[in-house]
């Protein structure tokens, strides 16, 4: 049987609504570092924000670092996206 790498277009596609803070943090890292995706600071901030709300200390620091590299409009967009994900997850 041949082996094929499976590439997921959206790293968060396999997350459950009960994802742990560590899982959310890892998605933030994927977007912030461009690991098999294009670097996306808005998405990174969103996932770090979600991880931080679940108590992940490193995510709080990363969220702040992302915010410092983003415009105010981008931060607002990321915060809105995090709220929308939380609504869907609950």
N, C-alpha and C. Protein backbone atom coordinates (compact mmCIF):
# COMPACT_ATOMS: atom_id res chain seq x y z
N UNK A 1 0.84 -1.17 0.00
CA UNK A 1 0.00 0.00 0.00
C UNK A 1 0.89 1.24 0.00
N UNK A 2 0.57 2.19 -0.81
CA UNK A 2 1.34 3.43 -0.90
C UNK A 2 1.00 4.35 0.26
N UNK A 3 1.98 5.12 0.67
CA UNK A 3 1.79 6.08 1.74
C UNK A 3 1.71 7.47 1.12
N UNK A 4 0.78 8.25 1.57
CA UNK A 4 0.64 9.62 1.07
C UNK A 4 0.50 10.56 2.25
N UNK A 5 1.22 11.66 2.19
CA UNK A 5 1.06 12.68 3.23
C UNK A 5 -0.29 13.34 3.03
N UNK A 6 -1.00 13.51 4.11
CA UNK A 6 -2.28 14.20 4.06
C UNK A 6 -2.06 15.60 4.56
N UNK A 7 -2.41 16.55 3.75
CA UNK A 7 -2.26 17.95 4.14
C UNK A 7 -3.65 18.52 4.39
N UNK A 8 -3.84 19.02 5.57
CA UNK A 8 -5.13 19.59 5.94
C UNK A 8 -5.08 21.08 5.63
N UNK A 9 -6.03 21.56 4.88
CA UNK A 9 -6.05 22.96 4.50
C UNK A 9 -6.16 23.89 5.71
N UNK A 10 -7.00 23.53 6.66
CA UNK A 10 -7.17 24.35 7.87
C UNK A 10 -6.75 23.48 9.06
N UNK A 11 -5.64 23.81 9.70
CA UNK A 11 -5.15 22.99 10.81
C UNK A 11 -6.20 22.77 11.91
N UNK A 12 -7.10 23.71 12.06
CA UNK A 12 -8.11 23.61 13.12
C UNK A 12 -9.29 22.72 12.73
N UNK A 13 -9.30 22.21 11.52
CA UNK A 13 -10.44 21.43 11.03
C UNK A 13 -10.73 20.20 11.89
N UNK A 14 -9.74 19.66 12.54
CA UNK A 14 -9.94 18.45 13.33
C UNK A 14 -10.17 18.72 14.81
N UNK A 15 -10.21 19.99 15.20
CA UNK A 15 -10.43 20.32 16.60
C UNK A 15 -11.86 20.05 17.02
N UNK A 16 -12.01 19.56 18.21
CA UNK A 16 -13.35 19.41 18.77
C UNK A 16 -13.68 20.67 19.56
N UNK A 17 -14.94 20.83 19.90
CA UNK A 17 -15.33 22.01 20.67
C UNK A 17 -14.73 21.97 22.07
N UNK A 18 -14.29 20.81 22.51
CA UNK A 18 -13.67 20.65 23.83
C UNK A 18 -12.16 20.62 23.75
N UNK A 19 -11.60 21.21 22.72
CA UNK A 19 -10.14 21.20 22.54
C UNK A 19 -9.45 21.79 23.77
N UNK A 20 -8.32 21.20 24.09
CA UNK A 20 -7.56 21.68 25.25
C UNK A 20 -6.84 22.97 24.92
N UNK A 21 -6.40 23.65 25.96
CA UNK A 21 -5.63 24.87 25.79
C UNK A 21 -4.36 24.59 24.98
N UNK A 22 -3.74 23.43 25.21
CA UNK A 22 -2.53 23.07 24.46
C UNK A 22 -2.82 22.89 22.98
N UNK A 23 -3.95 22.29 22.64
CA UNK A 23 -4.31 22.11 21.23
C UNK A 23 -4.54 23.46 20.56
N UNK A 24 -5.25 24.34 21.23
CA UNK A 24 -5.51 25.67 20.69
C UNK A 24 -4.20 26.44 20.51
N UNK A 25 -3.32 26.31 21.49
CA UNK A 25 -2.01 26.97 21.44
C UNK A 25 -1.21 26.47 20.24
N UNK A 26 -1.23 25.16 20.01
CA UNK A 26 -0.48 24.60 18.87
C UNK A 26 -1.00 25.15 17.54
N UNK A 27 -2.30 25.35 17.43
CA UNK A 27 -2.85 25.94 16.19
C UNK A 27 -2.32 27.37 16.05
N UNK A 28 -2.27 28.12 17.15
CA UNK A 28 -1.69 29.46 17.11
C UNK A 28 -0.25 29.43 16.63
N UNK A 29 0.53 28.47 17.12
CA UNK A 29 1.92 28.35 16.68
C UNK A 29 2.01 28.05 15.19
N UNK A 30 1.13 27.19 14.71
CA UNK A 30 1.14 26.84 13.28
C UNK A 30 0.96 28.09 12.44
N UNK A 31 -0.02 28.92 12.80
CA UNK A 31 -0.27 30.15 12.02
C UNK A 31 0.80 31.21 12.24
N UNK A 32 1.34 31.30 13.44
CA UNK A 32 2.34 32.34 13.70
C UNK A 32 3.68 32.03 13.05
N UNK A 33 3.99 30.74 12.89
CA UNK A 33 5.27 30.34 12.33
C UNK A 33 5.17 29.88 10.88
N UNK A 34 3.96 29.77 10.36
CA UNK A 34 3.79 29.35 8.97
C UNK A 34 4.17 27.90 8.76
N UNK A 35 3.75 27.03 9.66
CA UNK A 35 4.06 25.60 9.56
C UNK A 35 3.05 24.94 8.63
N UNK A 36 3.43 24.76 7.37
CA UNK A 36 2.58 24.19 6.32
C UNK A 36 1.38 25.06 5.97
N UNK A 37 1.36 26.28 6.44
CA UNK A 37 0.34 27.28 6.07
C UNK A 37 1.05 28.61 5.89
N UNK A 38 0.37 29.55 5.29
CA UNK A 38 0.90 30.90 5.19
C UNK A 38 0.81 31.55 6.56
N UNK A 39 1.83 32.29 6.95
CA UNK A 39 1.78 33.01 8.23
C UNK A 39 0.56 33.90 8.22
N UNK A 40 -0.22 33.83 9.28
CA UNK A 40 -1.46 34.61 9.40
C UNK A 40 -1.57 35.09 10.83
N UNK A 41 -1.19 36.34 11.07
CA UNK A 41 -1.17 36.87 12.43
C UNK A 41 -2.56 36.97 13.03
N UNK A 42 -3.57 37.24 12.21
CA UNK A 42 -4.94 37.32 12.72
C UNK A 42 -5.36 35.94 13.24
N UNK A 43 -5.12 34.90 12.46
CA UNK A 43 -5.46 33.55 12.91
C UNK A 43 -4.63 33.15 14.13
N UNK A 44 -3.36 33.49 14.11
CA UNK A 44 -2.49 33.16 15.25
C UNK A 44 -3.02 33.82 16.52
N UNK A 45 -3.35 35.10 16.45
CA UNK A 45 -3.88 35.82 17.61
C UNK A 45 -5.17 35.16 18.08
N UNK A 46 -6.03 34.82 17.15
CA UNK A 46 -7.30 34.18 17.49
C UNK A 46 -7.06 32.92 18.32
N UNK A 47 -6.20 32.03 17.85
CA UNK A 47 -5.98 30.76 18.53
C UNK A 47 -5.21 30.94 19.84
N UNK A 48 -4.26 31.88 19.87
CA UNK A 48 -3.59 32.16 21.14
C UNK A 48 -4.58 32.74 22.14
N UNK A 49 -5.48 33.59 21.67
CA UNK A 49 -6.50 34.16 22.54
C UNK A 49 -7.39 33.06 23.12
N UNK A 50 -7.82 32.14 22.29
CA UNK A 50 -8.66 31.04 22.76
C UNK A 50 -7.92 30.17 23.77
N UNK A 51 -6.64 29.90 23.50
CA UNK A 51 -5.84 29.11 24.44
C UNK A 51 -5.66 29.86 25.75
N UNK A 52 -5.47 31.16 25.66
CA UNK A 52 -5.29 31.97 26.87
C UNK A 52 -6.55 31.96 27.73
N UNK A 53 -7.71 31.97 27.08
CA UNK A 53 -8.96 31.94 27.84
C UNK A 53 -9.14 30.61 28.57
N UNK A 54 -8.42 29.60 28.12
CA UNK A 54 -8.46 28.30 28.79
C UNK A 54 -7.27 28.10 29.72
N UNK A 55 -6.56 29.22 30.00
CA UNK A 55 -5.52 29.20 31.01
C UNK A 55 -4.10 28.93 30.56
N UNK A 56 -3.83 28.93 29.27
CA UNK A 56 -2.48 28.66 28.77
C UNK A 56 -1.61 29.91 28.93
N UNK A 57 -0.60 29.83 29.80
CA UNK A 57 0.23 31.01 30.09
C UNK A 57 1.06 31.48 28.90
N UNK A 58 1.69 30.53 28.18
CA UNK A 58 2.50 30.92 27.02
C UNK A 58 1.64 31.57 25.94
N UNK A 59 0.40 31.14 25.83
CA UNK A 59 -0.50 31.71 24.83
C UNK A 59 -0.76 33.19 25.12
N UNK A 60 -0.83 33.53 26.38
CA UNK A 60 -1.04 34.95 26.74
C UNK A 60 0.11 35.80 26.23
N UNK A 61 1.33 35.31 26.39
CA UNK A 61 2.49 36.05 25.91
C UNK A 61 2.51 36.14 24.39
N UNK A 62 2.21 35.02 23.74
CA UNK A 62 2.21 35.00 22.28
C UNK A 62 1.12 35.90 21.71
N UNK A 63 -0.03 35.91 22.37
CA UNK A 63 -1.13 36.78 21.93
C UNK A 63 -0.67 38.24 21.96
N UNK A 64 0.03 38.62 23.01
CA UNK A 64 0.53 40.00 23.13
C UNK A 64 1.56 40.29 22.04
N UNK A 65 2.44 39.34 21.78
CA UNK A 65 3.44 39.53 20.72
C UNK A 65 2.76 39.72 19.36
N UNK A 66 1.73 38.92 19.09
CA UNK A 66 1.00 39.05 17.84
C UNK A 66 0.36 40.43 17.75
N UNK A 67 -0.27 40.86 18.83
CA UNK A 67 -0.97 42.15 18.85
C UNK A 67 -0.01 43.30 18.55
N UNK A 68 1.22 43.19 19.03
CA UNK A 68 2.21 44.24 18.80
C UNK A 68 2.63 44.34 17.33
N UNK A 69 2.43 43.27 16.57
CA UNK A 69 2.79 43.26 15.15
C UNK A 69 1.61 43.54 14.24
N UNK A 70 0.43 43.72 14.83
CA UNK A 70 -0.79 43.86 14.05
C UNK A 70 -1.36 45.27 14.17
N UNK A 71 -2.18 45.64 13.20
CA UNK A 71 -2.91 46.90 13.29
C UNK A 71 -4.08 46.71 14.26
N UNK A 72 -4.64 47.81 14.70
CA UNK A 72 -5.81 47.75 15.59
C UNK A 72 -6.97 47.01 14.91
N UNK A 73 -7.15 47.26 13.63
CA UNK A 73 -8.23 46.59 12.88
C UNK A 73 -8.01 45.08 12.84
N UNK A 74 -6.76 44.65 12.69
CA UNK A 74 -6.48 43.22 12.66
C UNK A 74 -6.74 42.57 14.02
N UNK A 75 -6.38 43.28 15.10
CA UNK A 75 -6.64 42.75 16.44
C UNK A 75 -8.14 42.59 16.67
N UNK A 76 -8.89 43.59 16.26
CA UNK A 76 -10.35 43.53 16.40
C UNK A 76 -10.91 42.35 15.60
N UNK A 77 -10.40 42.16 14.38
CA UNK A 77 -10.85 41.04 13.55
C UNK A 77 -10.54 39.71 14.23
N UNK A 78 -9.36 39.58 14.82
CA UNK A 78 -8.97 38.34 15.51
C UNK A 78 -9.84 38.10 16.73
N UNK A 79 -10.12 39.15 17.47
CA UNK A 79 -10.96 39.02 18.67
C UNK A 79 -12.38 38.60 18.29
N UNK A 80 -12.89 39.18 17.21
CA UNK A 80 -14.23 38.82 16.74
C UNK A 80 -14.26 37.36 16.31
N UNK A 81 -13.23 36.92 15.60
CA UNK A 81 -13.16 35.54 15.14
C UNK A 81 -13.09 34.57 16.33
N UNK A 82 -12.38 34.95 17.38
CA UNK A 82 -12.30 34.11 18.58
C UNK A 82 -13.66 34.01 19.25
N UNK A 83 -14.36 35.13 19.35
CA UNK A 83 -15.71 35.11 19.95
C UNK A 83 -16.65 34.22 19.14
N UNK A 84 -16.58 34.32 17.82
CA UNK A 84 -17.45 33.51 16.97
C UNK A 84 -17.14 32.03 17.14
N UNK A 85 -15.87 31.67 17.25
CA UNK A 85 -15.50 30.26 17.45
C UNK A 85 -16.04 29.78 18.79
N UNK A 86 -15.93 30.61 19.81
CA UNK A 86 -16.41 30.22 21.14
C UNK A 86 -17.92 29.99 21.13
N UNK A 87 -18.66 30.83 20.40
CA UNK A 87 -20.11 30.66 20.30
C UNK A 87 -20.46 29.33 19.64
N UNK A 88 -19.73 28.99 18.57
CA UNK A 88 -19.98 27.74 17.87
C UNK A 88 -19.58 26.54 18.72
N UNK A 89 -18.55 26.70 19.53
CA UNK A 89 -18.04 25.59 20.34
C UNK A 89 -18.94 25.32 21.55
N UNK A 90 -19.74 26.29 21.92
CA UNK A 90 -20.59 26.10 23.11
C UNK A 90 -22.00 25.75 22.76
